Amino acid sequence: MGRGDRKTAKGKTAIRSYGNARPHSATKAVVTKSAVTAKPAVKKAAPVAAKKAPAKKPAA
């Protein structure tokens, strides 16, 4: 059970192959169903009053 064994991780690295003992994407993150369905709470900004244009001065 060592470098030549195809069923162990050490053997997989020696042979340079992948499988159950040595998955190709070893750092893959596991996503749970609750994390996918939960939506983050988004705060809405307070409504901003529309700015009025300054009053025009009458022509003299």
C-alpha atoms as a PDB file:
ATOM      1  CA  MET A   1       0.000   0.000   0.000  1.00  0.00           C
ATOM      2  CA  GLY A   2       2.156   2.827  -1.195  1.00  0.00           C
ATOM      3  CA  ARG A   3       3.450   4.508  -4.290  1.00  0.00           C
ATOM      4  CA  GLY A   4       2.357   1.807  -6.739  1.00  0.00           C
ATOM      5  CA  ASP A   5      -1.109   1.276  -5.281  1.00  0.00           C
ATOM      6  CA  ARG A   6      -3.785   2.691  -7.584  1.00  0.00           C
ATOM      7  CA  LYS A   7      -6.381   2.863  -4.787  1.00  0.00           C
ATOM      8  CA  THR A   8      -4.557   5.241  -2.442  1.00  0.00           C
ATOM      9  CA  ALA A   9      -3.904   8.958  -2.709  1.00  0.00           C
ATOM     10  CA  LYS A  10      -0.152   8.350  -2.566  1.00  0.00           C
ATOM     11  CA  GLY A  11      -0.411   5.908  -5.457  1.00  0.00           C
ATOM     12  CA  LYS A  12      -2.582   8.293  -7.450  1.00  0.00           C
ATOM     13  CA  THR A  13      -0.002  11.064  -7.141  1.00  0.00           C
ATOM     14  CA  ALA A  14       2.794   8.691  -8.162  1.00  0.00           C
ATOM     15  CA  ILE A  15       0.864   7.533 -11.224  1.00  0.00           C
ATOM     16  CA  ARG A  16      -0.389  11.116 -11.823  1.00  0.00           C
ATOM     17  CA  SER A  17      -4.047  10.111 -12.084  1.00  0.00           C
ATOM     18  CA  TYR A  18      -7.251  11.172 -10.352  1.00  0.00           C
ATOM     19  CA  GLY A  19     -10.131   9.284  -8.744  1.00  0.00           C
ATOM     20  CA  ASN A  20     -12.057   8.877  -5.491  1.00  0.00           C
ATOM     21  CA  ALA A  21      -8.889   8.817  -3.389  1.00  0.00           C
ATOM     22  CA  ARG A  22      -7.525  11.926  -5.118  1.00  0.00           C
ATOM     23  CA  PRO A  23     -10.311  14.047  -6.638  1.00  0.00           C
ATOM     24  CA  HIS A  24      -9.323  16.387  -9.446  1.00  0.00           C
ATOM     25  CA  SER A  25     -10.837  19.453  -7.749  1.00  0.00           C
ATOM     26  CA  ALA A  26      -9.789  18.867  -4.149  1.00  0.00           C
ATOM     27  CA  THR A  27     -10.461  22.465  -3.007  1.00  0.00           C
ATOM     28  CA  LYS A  28     -14.054  22.600  -4.277  1.00  0.00           C
ATOM     29  CA  ALA A  29     -16.388  24.285  -1.776  1.00  0.00           C
ATOM     30  CA  VAL A  30     -19.535  22.466  -0.713  1.00  0.00           C
ATOM     31  CA  VAL A  31     -22.716  24.522  -1.151  1.00  0.00           C
ATOM     32  CA  THR A  32     -25.700  23.651   0.997  1.00  0.00           C
ATOM     33  CA  LYS A  33     -29.281  23.999  -0.153  1.00  0.00           C
ATOM     34  CA  SER A  34     -30.127  26.538   2.563  1.00  0.00           C
ATOM     35  CA  ALA A  35     -27.279  28.818   1.460  1.00  0.00           C
ATOM     36  CA  VAL A  36     -28.587  28.811  -2.104  1.00  0.00           C
ATOM     37  CA  THR A  37     -32.224  29.561  -1.253  1.00  0.00           C
ATOM     38  CA  ALA A  38     -31.562  32.218   1.408  1.00  0.00           C
ATOM     39  CA  LYS A  39     -31.568  35.726   0.000  1.00  0.00           C
ATOM     40  CA  PRO A  40     -29.567  38.448   1.734  1.00  0.00           C
ATOM     41  CA  ALA A  41     -31.583  41.303   3.206  1.00  0.00           C
ATOM     42  CA  VAL A  42     -31.192  44.418   1.082  1.00  0.00           C
ATOM     43  CA  LYS A  43     -31.855  47.796   2.642  1.00  0.00           C
ATOM     44  CA  LYS A  44     -33.517  50.301   0.398  1.00  0.00           C
ATOM     45  CA  ALA A  45     -32.336  53.886   0.532  1.00  0.00           C
ATOM     46  CA  ALA A  46     -34.730  56.470   1.907  1.00  0.00           C
ATOM     47  CA  PRO A  47     -36.650  58.253  -0.865  1.00  0.00           C
ATOM     48  CA  VAL A  48     -34.952  61.504  -1.792  1.00  0.00           C
ATOM     49  CA  ALA A  49     -37.180  64.535  -2.342  1.00  0.00           C
ATOM     50  CA  ALA A  50     -36.967  65.881  -5.885  1.00  0.00           C
ATOM     51  CA  LYS A  51     -34.987  69.097  -6.076  1.00  0.00           C
ATOM     52  CA  LYS A  52     -36.773  72.080  -7.517  1.00  0.00           C
ATOM     53  CA  ALA A  53     -35.027  74.401  -9.935  1.00  0.00           C
ATOM     54  CA  PRO A  54     -34.247  77.827  -8.488  1.00  0.00           C
ATOM     55  CA  ALA A  55     -36.863  80.513  -9.218  1.00  0.00           C
ATOM     56  CA  LYS A  56     -36.117  82.543 -12.328  1.00  0.00           C
ATOM     57  CA  LYS A  57     -35.773  86.279 -11.955  1.00  0.00           C
ATOM     58  CA  PRO A  58     -38.038  88.361 -14.194  1.00  0.00           C
ATOM     59  CA  ALA A  59     -36.268  90.293 -16.964  1.00  0.00           C
ATOM     60  CA  ALA A  60     -35.924  93.981 -16.086  1.00  0.00           C
END
